All heavy atoms as atom14 arrays in JSON, in Angstrom:
{
  "sequence": "AEISSYSSNLLSHQKWRVGTLNVLLQKWVSLGLPGVESDCTNYLR",
  "atom14_mask": [
    [1, 1, 1, 1, 1, 0, 0, 0, 0, 0, 0, 0, 0, 0],
    [1, 1, 1, 1, 1, 1, 1, 1, 1, 0, 0, 0, 0, 0],
    [1, 1, 1, 1, 1, 1, 1, 1, 0, 0, 0, 0, 0, 0],
    [1, 1, 1, 1, 1, 1, 0, 0, 0, 0, 0, 0, 0, 0],
    [1, 1, 1, 1, 1, 1, 0, 0, 0, 0, 0, 0, 0, 0],
    [1, 1, 1, 1, 1, 1, 1, 1, 1, 1, 1, 1, 0, 0],
    [1, 1, 1, 1, 1, 1, 0, 0, 0, 0, 0, 0, 0, 0],
    [1, 1, 1, 1, 1, 1, 0, 0, 0, 0, 0, 0, 0, 0],
    [1, 1, 1, 1, 1, 1, 1, 1, 0, 0, 0, 0, 0, 0],
    [1, 1, 1, 1, 1, 1, 1, 1, 0, 0, 0, 0, 0, 0],
    [1, 1, 1, 1, 1, 1, 1, 1, 0, 0, 0, 0, 0, 0],
    [1, 1, 1, 1, 1, 1, 0, 0, 0, 0, 0, 0, 0, 0],
    [1, 1, 1, 1, 1, 1, 1, 1, 1, 1, 0, 0, 0, 0],
    [1, 1, 1, 1, 1, 1, 1, 1, 1, 0, 0, 0, 0, 0],
    [1, 1, 1, 1, 1, 1, 1, 1, 1, 0, 0, 0, 0, 0],
    [1, 1, 1, 1, 1, 1, 1, 1, 1, 1, 1, 1, 1, 1],
    [1, 1, 1, 1, 1, 1, 1, 1, 1, 1, 1, 0, 0, 0],
    [1, 1, 1, 1, 1, 1, 1, 0, 0, 0, 0, 0, 0, 0],
    [1, 1, 1, 1, 0, 0, 0, 0, 0, 0, 0, 0, 0, 0],
    [1, 1, 1, 1, 1, 1, 1, 0, 0, 0, 0, 0, 0, 0],
    [1, 1, 1, 1, 1, 1, 1, 1, 0, 0, 0, 0, 0, 0],
    [1, 1, 1, 1, 1, 1, 1, 1, 0, 0, 0, 0, 0, 0],
    [1, 1, 1, 1, 1, 1, 1, 0, 0, 0, 0, 0, 0, 0],
    [1, 1, 1, 1, 1, 1, 1, 1, 0, 0, 0, 0, 0, 0],
    [1, 1, 1, 1, 1, 1, 1, 1, 0, 0, 0, 0, 0, 0],
    [1, 1, 1, 1, 1, 1, 1, 1, 1, 0, 0, 0, 0, 0],
    [1, 1, 1, 1, 1, 1, 1, 1, 1, 0, 0, 0, 0, 0],
    [1, 1, 1, 1, 1, 1, 1, 1, 1, 1, 1, 1, 1, 1],
    [1, 1, 1, 1, 1, 1, 1, 0, 0, 0, 0, 0, 0, 0],
    [1, 1, 1, 1, 1, 1, 0, 0, 0, 0, 0, 0, 0, 0],
    [1, 1, 1, 1, 1, 1, 1, 1, 0, 0, 0, 0, 0, 0],
    [1, 1, 1, 1, 0, 0, 0, 0, 0, 0, 0, 0, 0, 0],
    [1, 1, 1, 1, 1, 1, 1, 1, 0, 0, 0, 0, 0, 0],
    [1, 1, 1, 1, 1, 1, 1, 0, 0, 0, 0, 0, 0, 0],
    [1, 1, 1, 1, 0, 0, 0, 0, 0, 0, 0, 0, 0, 0],
    [1, 1, 1, 1, 1, 1, 1, 0, 0, 0, 0, 0, 0, 0],
    [1, 1, 1, 1, 1, 1, 1, 1, 1, 0, 0, 0, 0, 0],
    [1, 1, 1, 1, 1, 1, 0, 0, 0, 0, 0, 0, 0, 0],
    [1, 1, 1, 1, 1, 1, 1, 1, 0, 0, 0, 0, 0, 0],
    [1, 1, 1, 1, 1, 1, 0, 0, 0, 0, 0, 0, 0, 0],
    [1, 1, 1, 1, 1, 1, 1, 0, 0, 0, 0, 0, 0, 0],
    [1, 1, 1, 1, 1, 1, 1, 1, 0, 0, 0, 0, 0, 0],
    [1, 1, 1, 1, 1, 1, 1, 1, 1, 1, 1, 1, 0, 0],
    [1, 1, 1, 1, 1, 1, 1, 1, 0, 0, 0, 0, 0, 0],
    [1, 1, 1, 1, 1, 1, 1, 1, 1, 1, 1, 0, 0, 0]
  ],
  "atom14_positions": [
    [[127.71, 39.68, 138.52], [126.71, 38.73, 138.02], [127.29, 37.32, 137.94], [126.61, 36.34, 138.26], [126.22, 39.18, 136.64], [0.0, 0.0, 0.0], [0.0, 0.0, 0.0], [0.0, 0.0, 0.0], [0.0, 0.0, 0.0], [0.0, 0.0, 0.0], [0.0, 0.0, 0.0], [0.0, 0.0, 0.0], [0.0, 0.0, 0.0], [0.0, 0.0, 0.0]],
    [[128.57, 37.21, 137.52], [129.22, 35.9, 137.44], [129.34, 35.27, 138.83], [129.06, 34.09, 139.01], [130.61, 36.03, 136.81], [130.61, 36.3, 135.32], [130.32, 35.05, 134.51], [130.18, 33.96, 135.1], [130.22, 35.16, 133.27], [0.0, 0.0, 0.0], [0.0, 0.0, 0.0], [0.0, 0.0, 0.0], [0.0, 0.0, 0.0], [0.0, 0.0, 0.0]],
    [[129.74, 36.07, 139.8], [129.91, 35.57, 141.17], [128.56, 35.16, 141.75], [128.42, 34.11, 142.38], [130.56, 36.64, 142.07], [131.95, 37.01, 141.55], [130.67, 36.12, 143.51], [132.93, 35.88, 141.5], [0.0, 0.0, 0.0], [0.0, 0.0, 0.0], [0.0, 0.0, 0.0], [0.0, 0.0, 0.0], [0.0, 0.0, 0.0], [0.0, 0.0, 0.0]],
    [[127.54, 36.0, 141.51], [126.2, 35.7, 142.03], [125.65, 34.41, 141.43], [125.07, 33.58, 142.13], [125.27, 36.87, 141.71], [123.95, 36.58, 142.13], [0.0, 0.0, 0.0], [0.0, 0.0, 0.0], [0.0, 0.0, 0.0], [0.0, 0.0, 0.0], [0.0, 0.0, 0.0], [0.0, 0.0, 0.0], [0.0, 0.0, 0.0], [0.0, 0.0, 0.0]],
    [[125.85, 34.25, 140.12], [125.38, 33.04, 139.44], [126.11, 31.81, 139.97], [125.49, 30.77, 140.23], [125.6, 33.18, 137.93], [125.28, 31.98, 137.26], [0.0, 0.0, 0.0], [0.0, 0.0, 0.0], [0.0, 0.0, 0.0], [0.0, 0.0, 0.0], [0.0, 0.0, 0.0], [0.0, 0.0, 0.0], [0.0, 0.0, 0.0], [0.0, 0.0, 0.0]],
    [[127.41, 31.91, 140.14], [128.21, 30.8, 140.66], [127.75, 30.42, 142.07], [127.54, 29.24, 142.37], [129.68, 31.19, 140.67], [130.59, 30.24, 141.42], [130.85, 28.96, 140.96], [131.22, 30.64, 142.61], [131.67, 28.09, 141.64], [132.06, 29.78, 143.3], [132.29, 28.51, 142.82], [133.12, 27.66, 143.5], [0.0, 0.0, 0.0], [0.0, 0.0, 0.0]],
    [[127.56, 31.42, 142.91], [127.15, 31.17, 144.29], [125.8, 30.48, 144.35], [125.59, 29.57, 145.16], [127.1, 32.49, 145.07], [126.66, 32.28, 146.39], [0.0, 0.0, 0.0], [0.0, 0.0, 0.0], [0.0, 0.0, 0.0], [0.0, 0.0, 0.0], [0.0, 0.0, 0.0], [0.0, 0.0, 0.0], [0.0, 0.0, 0.0], [0.0, 0.0, 0.0]],
    [[124.88, 30.89, 143.49], [123.53, 30.29, 143.51], [123.54, 28.85, 143.03], [122.63, 28.07, 143.36], [122.59, 31.13, 142.63], [122.99, 31.09, 141.27], [0.0, 0.0, 0.0], [0.0, 0.0, 0.0], [0.0, 0.0, 0.0], [0.0, 0.0, 0.0], [0.0, 0.0, 0.0], [0.0, 0.0, 0.0], [0.0, 0.0, 0.0], [0.0, 0.0, 0.0]],
    [[124.55, 28.46, 142.26], [124.63, 27.09, 141.76], [125.24, 26.13, 142.77], [125.17, 24.91, 142.59], [125.46, 27.04, 140.47], [124.72, 27.64, 139.28], [123.5, 27.67, 139.26], [125.47, 28.13, 138.31], [0.0, 0.0, 0.0], [0.0, 0.0, 0.0], [0.0, 0.0, 0.0], [0.0, 0.0, 0.0], [0.0, 0.0, 0.0], [0.0, 0.0, 0.0]],
    [[125.86, 26.67, 143.82], [126.54, 25.83, 144.81], [125.53, 25.19, 145.76], [124.52, 25.8, 146.13], [127.54, 26.65, 145.62], [128.74, 27.22, 144.86], [129.57, 28.11, 145.78], [129.61, 26.1, 144.3], [0.0, 0.0, 0.0], [0.0, 0.0, 0.0], [0.0, 0.0, 0.0], [0.0, 0.0, 0.0], [0.0, 0.0, 0.0], [0.0, 0.0, 0.0]],
    [[125.8, 23.96, 146.15], [125.01, 23.29, 147.18], [125.36, 23.87, 148.54], [126.4, 24.54, 148.69], [125.27, 21.79, 147.14], [124.92, 21.08, 145.83], [125.32, 19.61, 145.9], [123.44, 21.22, 145.49], [0.0, 0.0, 0.0], [0.0, 0.0, 0.0], [0.0, 0.0, 0.0], [0.0, 0.0, 0.0], [0.0, 0.0, 0.0], [0.0, 0.0, 0.0]],
    [[124.55, 23.62, 149.53], [124.75, 24.23, 150.85], [126.12, 23.92, 151.43], [126.76, 24.78, 152.04], [123.65, 23.78, 151.82], [123.64, 22.37, 151.94], [0.0, 0.0, 0.0], [0.0, 0.0, 0.0], [0.0, 0.0, 0.0], [0.0, 0.0, 0.0], [0.0, 0.0, 0.0], [0.0, 0.0, 0.0], [0.0, 0.0, 0.0], [0.0, 0.0, 0.0]],
    [[126.6, 22.68, 151.23], [127.89, 22.31, 151.8], [129.07, 22.83, 150.98], [130.23, 22.65, 151.36], [127.99, 20.78, 151.93], [128.08, 20.06, 150.62], [126.96, 19.77, 149.88], [129.14, 19.57, 149.92], [127.32, 19.14, 148.77], [128.64, 19.01, 148.78], [0.0, 0.0, 0.0], [0.0, 0.0, 0.0], [0.0, 0.0, 0.0], [0.0, 0.0, 0.0]],
    [[128.77, 23.51, 149.84], [129.83, 24.07, 149.0], [129.95, 25.58, 149.13], [130.86, 26.19, 148.56], [129.57, 23.72, 147.53], [129.57, 22.23, 147.21], [129.21, 21.96, 145.77], [128.27, 22.57, 145.22], [129.93, 21.05, 145.13], [0.0, 0.0, 0.0], [0.0, 0.0, 0.0], [0.0, 0.0, 0.0], [0.0, 0.0, 0.0], [0.0, 0.0, 0.0]],
    [[129.05, 26.22, 149.87], [129.0, 27.67, 149.94], [130.29, 28.29, 150.48], [130.59, 29.45, 150.2], [127.81, 28.11, 150.82], [126.43, 27.75, 150.25], [126.12, 28.54, 149.0], [124.69, 28.27, 148.53], [124.36, 29.0, 147.28], [0.0, 0.0, 0.0], [0.0, 0.0, 0.0], [0.0, 0.0, 0.0], [0.0, 0.0, 0.0], [0.0, 0.0, 0.0]],
    [[131.03, 27.53, 151.25], [132.28, 28.06, 151.81], [133.26, 28.47, 150.71], [134.15, 29.3, 150.94], [132.94, 27.0, 152.71], [133.34, 25.74, 152.0], [132.59, 24.62, 151.83], [134.57, 25.48, 151.32], [133.26, 23.67, 151.12], [134.49, 24.17, 150.79], [135.75, 26.21, 151.13], [135.53, 23.58, 150.07], [136.79, 25.62, 150.42], [136.67, 24.34, 149.89]],
    [[133.1, 27.92, 149.51], [134.02, 28.24, 148.41], [133.95, 29.72, 148.05], [134.94, 30.29, 147.57], [133.69, 27.39, 147.19], [133.91, 25.89, 147.39], [133.57, 25.11, 146.12], [133.65, 23.67, 146.32], [134.76, 22.95, 146.21], [135.88, 23.56, 145.89], [134.75, 21.65, 146.42], [0.0, 0.0, 0.0], [0.0, 0.0, 0.0], [0.0, 0.0, 0.0]],
    [[132.79, 30.35, 148.26], [132.66, 31.77, 147.95], [133.6, 32.59, 148.83], [134.21, 33.56, 148.38], [131.2, 32.24, 148.14], [131.08, 33.74, 147.87], [130.28, 31.45, 147.22], [0.0, 0.0, 0.0], [0.0, 0.0, 0.0], [0.0, 0.0, 0.0], [0.0, 0.0, 0.0], [0.0, 0.0, 0.0], [0.0, 0.0, 0.0], [0.0, 0.0, 0.0]],
    [[133.73, 32.19, 150.09], [134.65, 32.89, 151.0], [136.09, 32.78, 150.55], [136.85, 33.75, 150.61], [0.0, 0.0, 0.0], [0.0, 0.0, 0.0], [0.0, 0.0, 0.0], [0.0, 0.0, 0.0], [0.0, 0.0, 0.0], [0.0, 0.0, 0.0], [0.0, 0.0, 0.0], [0.0, 0.0, 0.0], [0.0, 0.0, 0.0], [0.0, 0.0, 0.0]],
    [[136.49, 31.59, 150.09], [137.86, 31.4, 149.61], [138.08, 32.17, 148.31], [139.14, 32.79, 148.1], [138.14, 29.91, 149.39], [137.85, 29.19, 150.58], [139.59, 29.67, 148.99], [0.0, 0.0, 0.0], [0.0, 0.0, 0.0], [0.0, 0.0, 0.0], [0.0, 0.0, 0.0], [0.0, 0.0, 0.0], [0.0, 0.0, 0.0], [0.0, 0.0, 0.0]],
    [[137.08, 32.16, 147.41], [137.17, 32.92, 146.17], [137.28, 34.41, 146.46], [138.0, 35.15, 145.76], [135.95, 32.64, 145.3], [135.94, 33.26, 143.9], [137.1, 32.71, 143.06], [134.6, 33.01, 143.2], [0.0, 0.0, 0.0], [0.0, 0.0, 0.0], [0.0, 0.0, 0.0], [0.0, 0.0, 0.0], [0.0, 0.0, 0.0], [0.0, 0.0, 0.0]],
    [[136.6, 34.86, 147.5], [136.66, 36.26, 147.91], [138.1, 36.68, 148.24], [138.56, 37.76, 147.85], [135.76, 36.48, 149.13], [135.92, 37.85, 149.74], [135.82, 38.86, 149.07], [136.17, 37.89, 151.05], [0.0, 0.0, 0.0], [0.0, 0.0, 0.0], [0.0, 0.0, 0.0], [0.0, 0.0, 0.0], [0.0, 0.0, 0.0], [0.0, 0.0, 0.0]],
    [[138.83, 35.82, 148.97], [140.21, 36.12, 149.33], [141.06, 36.33, 148.08], [141.86, 37.28, 147.98], [140.81, 34.99, 150.19], [142.3, 35.22, 150.45], [140.06, 34.87, 151.51], [0.0, 0.0, 0.0], [0.0, 0.0, 0.0], [0.0, 0.0, 0.0], [0.0, 0.0, 0.0], [0.0, 0.0, 0.0], [0.0, 0.0, 0.0], [0.0, 0.0, 0.0]],
    [[140.87, 35.46, 147.1], [141.65, 35.54, 145.86], [141.31, 36.8, 145.07], [142.2, 37.55, 144.63], [141.37, 34.29, 145.01], [142.06, 34.23, 143.64], [143.56, 34.08, 143.8], [141.49, 33.09, 142.81], [0.0, 0.0, 0.0], [0.0, 0.0, 0.0], [0.0, 0.0, 0.0], [0.0, 0.0, 0.0], [0.0, 0.0, 0.0], [0.0, 0.0, 0.0]],
    [[140.02, 37.07, 144.87], [139.61, 38.19, 144.03], [139.88, 39.53, 144.69], [140.18, 40.53, 143.99], [138.12, 38.06, 143.69], [137.73, 36.81, 142.88], [136.27, 36.87, 142.47], [138.63, 36.63, 141.66], [0.0, 0.0, 0.0], [0.0, 0.0, 0.0], [0.0, 0.0, 0.0], [0.0, 0.0, 0.0], [0.0, 0.0, 0.0], [0.0, 0.0, 0.0]],
    [[139.8, 39.61, 146.02], [140.13, 40.86, 146.71], [141.59, 41.23, 146.46], [141.91, 42.39, 146.18], [139.87, 40.72, 148.22], [138.43, 40.56, 148.63], [137.61, 41.83, 148.5], [138.14, 42.9, 148.22], [136.3, 41.71, 148.69], [0.0, 0.0, 0.0], [0.0, 0.0, 0.0], [0.0, 0.0, 0.0], [0.0, 0.0, 0.0], [0.0, 0.0, 0.0]],
    [[142.46, 40.25, 146.52], [143.87, 40.5, 146.26], [144.08, 40.86, 144.79], [144.89, 41.74, 144.46], [144.71, 39.28, 146.66], [146.2, 39.4, 146.4], [146.8, 40.61, 147.12], [146.76, 40.43, 148.63], [147.42, 41.58, 149.31], [0.0, 0.0, 0.0], [0.0, 0.0, 0.0], [0.0, 0.0, 0.0], [0.0, 0.0, 0.0], [0.0, 0.0, 0.0]],
    [[143.38, 40.16, 143.91], [143.48, 40.39, 142.46], [143.19, 41.86, 142.14], [143.97, 42.54, 141.45], [142.47, 39.49, 141.76], [142.56, 39.39, 140.26], [142.82, 40.4, 139.39], [142.35, 38.21, 139.48], [142.77, 39.94, 138.1], [142.5, 38.59, 138.12], [142.05, 36.89, 139.78], [142.35, 37.67, 137.07], [141.9, 35.98, 138.73], [142.06, 36.36, 137.4]],
    [[142.07, 42.37, 142.66], [141.67, 43.75, 142.39], [142.63, 44.74, 143.05], [142.98, 45.78, 142.47], [140.22, 43.99, 142.87], [139.86, 45.48, 142.77], [139.25, 43.15, 142.04], [0.0, 0.0, 0.0], [0.0, 0.0, 0.0], [0.0, 0.0, 0.0], [0.0, 0.0, 0.0], [0.0, 0.0, 0.0], [0.0, 0.0, 0.0], [0.0, 0.0, 0.0]],
    [[143.06, 44.43, 144.28], [143.97, 45.36, 144.98], [145.3, 45.52, 144.26], [145.96, 46.56, 144.4], [144.21, 44.87, 146.41], [145.02, 43.7, 146.42], [0.0, 0.0, 0.0], [0.0, 0.0, 0.0], [0.0, 0.0, 0.0], [0.0, 0.0, 0.0], [0.0, 0.0, 0.0], [0.0, 0.0, 0.0], [0.0, 0.0, 0.0], [0.0, 0.0, 0.0]],
    [[145.69, 44.52, 143.47], [146.93, 44.61, 142.7], [146.74, 45.38, 141.39], [147.71, 45.63, 140.66], [147.45, 43.21, 142.38], [147.92, 42.36, 143.58], [148.25, 40.94, 143.14], [149.14, 43.01, 144.24], [0.0, 0.0, 0.0], [0.0, 0.0, 0.0], [0.0, 0.0, 0.0], [0.0, 0.0, 0.0], [0.0, 0.0, 0.0], [0.0, 0.0, 0.0]],
    [[145.49, 45.77, 141.09], [145.22, 46.52, 139.88], [145.38, 45.72, 138.61], [145.68, 46.28, 137.54], [0.0, 0.0, 0.0], [0.0, 0.0, 0.0], [0.0, 0.0, 0.0], [0.0, 0.0, 0.0], [0.0, 0.0, 0.0], [0.0, 0.0, 0.0], [0.0, 0.0, 0.0], [0.0, 0.0, 0.0], [0.0, 0.0, 0.0], [0.0, 0.0, 0.0]],
    [[145.15, 44.43, 138.67], [145.34, 43.55, 137.52], [144.03, 43.39, 136.74], [142.95, 43.36, 137.34], [145.84, 42.17, 137.98], [147.16, 42.17, 138.75], [147.43, 40.79, 139.34], [148.3, 42.59, 137.84], [0.0, 0.0, 0.0], [0.0, 0.0, 0.0], [0.0, 0.0, 0.0], [0.0, 0.0, 0.0], [0.0, 0.0, 0.0], [0.0, 0.0, 0.0]],
    [[144.1, 43.28, 135.43], [142.89, 43.14, 134.62], [142.27, 41.75, 134.76], [142.95, 40.79, 135.08], [143.39, 43.37, 133.19], [144.83, 42.97, 133.23], [145.32, 43.35, 134.6], [0.0, 0.0, 0.0], [0.0, 0.0, 0.0], [0.0, 0.0, 0.0], [0.0, 0.0, 0.0], [0.0, 0.0, 0.0], [0.0, 0.0, 0.0], [0.0, 0.0, 0.0]],
    [[140.94, 41.69, 134.51], [140.25, 40.41, 134.52], [139.11, 40.34, 135.5], [138.2, 39.52, 135.34], [0.0, 0.0, 0.0], [0.0, 0.0, 0.0], [0.0, 0.0, 0.0], [0.0, 0.0, 0.0], [0.0, 0.0, 0.0], [0.0, 0.0, 0.0], [0.0, 0.0, 0.0], [0.0, 0.0, 0.0], [0.0, 0.0, 0.0], [0.0, 0.0, 0.0]],
    [[139.11, 41.19, 136.55], [138.06, 41.2, 137.56], [137.51, 42.61, 137.69], [138.29, 43.56, 137.87], [138.58, 40.72, 138.92], [137.46, 40.75, 139.96], [139.15, 39.31, 138.82], [0.0, 0.0, 0.0], [0.0, 0.0, 0.0], [0.0, 0.0, 0.0], [0.0, 0.0, 0.0], [0.0, 0.0, 0.0], [0.0, 0.0, 0.0], [0.0, 0.0, 0.0]],
    [[136.19, 42.76, 137.57], [135.57, 44.06, 137.73], [135.67, 44.5, 139.2], [135.48, 43.69, 140.12], [134.1, 44.01, 137.31], [133.89, 43.65, 135.84], [134.46, 44.7, 134.91], [134.36, 45.9, 135.24], [134.99, 44.33, 133.85], [0.0, 0.0, 0.0], [0.0, 0.0, 0.0], [0.0, 0.0, 0.0], [0.0, 0.0, 0.0], [0.0, 0.0, 0.0]],
    [[135.97, 45.78, 139.4], [136.22, 46.28, 140.76], [135.0, 46.18, 141.66], [135.13, 46.02, 142.89], [136.7, 47.74, 140.71], [135.72, 48.55, 140.07], [0.0, 0.0, 0.0], [0.0, 0.0, 0.0], [0.0, 0.0, 0.0], [0.0, 0.0, 0.0], [0.0, 0.0, 0.0], [0.0, 0.0, 0.0], [0.0, 0.0, 0.0], [0.0, 0.0, 0.0]],
    [[133.78, 46.26, 141.09], [132.59, 46.19, 141.94], [132.37, 44.79, 142.53], [131.57, 44.61, 143.44], [131.35, 46.65, 141.19], [131.05, 45.77, 139.97], [131.95, 44.99, 139.58], [129.93, 45.86, 139.43], [0.0, 0.0, 0.0], [0.0, 0.0, 0.0], [0.0, 0.0, 0.0], [0.0, 0.0, 0.0], [0.0, 0.0, 0.0], [0.0, 0.0, 0.0]],
    [[133.1, 43.79, 142.02], [133.03, 42.44, 142.58], [133.45, 42.43, 144.05], [132.87, 41.71, 144.87], [133.93, 41.48, 141.81], [133.17, 40.76, 140.36], [0.0, 0.0, 0.0], [0.0, 0.0, 0.0], [0.0, 0.0, 0.0], [0.0, 0.0, 0.0], [0.0, 0.0, 0.0], [0.0, 0.0, 0.0], [0.0, 0.0, 0.0], [0.0, 0.0, 0.0]],
    [[134.46, 43.21, 144.36], [134.99, 43.19, 145.73], [133.97, 43.74, 146.72], [133.83, 43.22, 147.83], [136.3, 44.0, 145.81], [136.05, 45.34, 145.36], [137.37, 43.37, 144.94], [0.0, 0.0, 0.0], [0.0, 0.0, 0.0], [0.0, 0.0, 0.0], [0.0, 0.0, 0.0], [0.0, 0.0, 0.0], [0.0, 0.0, 0.0], [0.0, 0.0, 0.0]],
    [[133.24, 44.79, 146.32], [132.21, 45.34, 147.21], [131.09, 44.33, 147.41], [130.59, 44.16, 148.52], [131.65, 46.64, 146.61], [132.68, 47.75, 146.57], [133.55, 47.82, 147.41], [132.56, 48.62, 145.56], [0.0, 0.0, 0.0], [0.0, 0.0, 0.0], [0.0, 0.0, 0.0], [0.0, 0.0, 0.0], [0.0, 0.0, 0.0], [0.0, 0.0, 0.0]],
    [[130.71, 43.68, 146.34], [129.64, 42.67, 146.43], [130.07, 41.52, 147.34], [129.29, 41.07, 148.2], [129.33, 42.15, 145.03], [128.39, 40.96, 145.01], [127.04, 41.11, 145.29], [128.88, 39.67, 144.74], [126.18, 40.0, 145.28], [128.03, 38.57, 144.72], [126.69, 38.75, 145.0], [125.85, 37.67, 145.0], [0.0, 0.0, 0.0], [0.0, 0.0, 0.0]],
    [[131.31, 41.05, 147.19], [131.8, 39.93, 148.0], [131.92, 40.3, 149.46], [131.75, 39.47, 150.35], [133.15, 39.45, 147.46], [133.07, 38.62, 146.17], [134.45, 38.48, 145.54], [132.48, 37.25, 146.46], [0.0, 0.0, 0.0], [0.0, 0.0, 0.0], [0.0, 0.0, 0.0], [0.0, 0.0, 0.0], [0.0, 0.0, 0.0], [0.0, 0.0, 0.0]],
    [[132.25, 41.58, 149.73], [132.34, 42.02, 151.13], [130.97, 42.01, 151.81], [130.85, 41.74, 153.0], [132.93, 43.43, 151.2], [134.41, 43.52, 150.91], [134.95, 44.89, 151.31], [136.32, 45.08, 150.85], [136.67, 45.76, 149.76], [135.72, 46.32, 149.02], [137.92, 45.88, 149.41], [0.0, 0.0, 0.0], [0.0, 0.0, 0.0], [0.0, 0.0, 0.0]]
  ]
}
């Protein structure tokens, strides 16, 4: 929900940030670190 809300607030020329955020959060979850819900990675994919 946080990612979806953030993405919807971005202007068209800012949407690329979601792709960069995806790289960070995918690694975050793969390391098993707390702070990011695992279903975020499926949504971002």
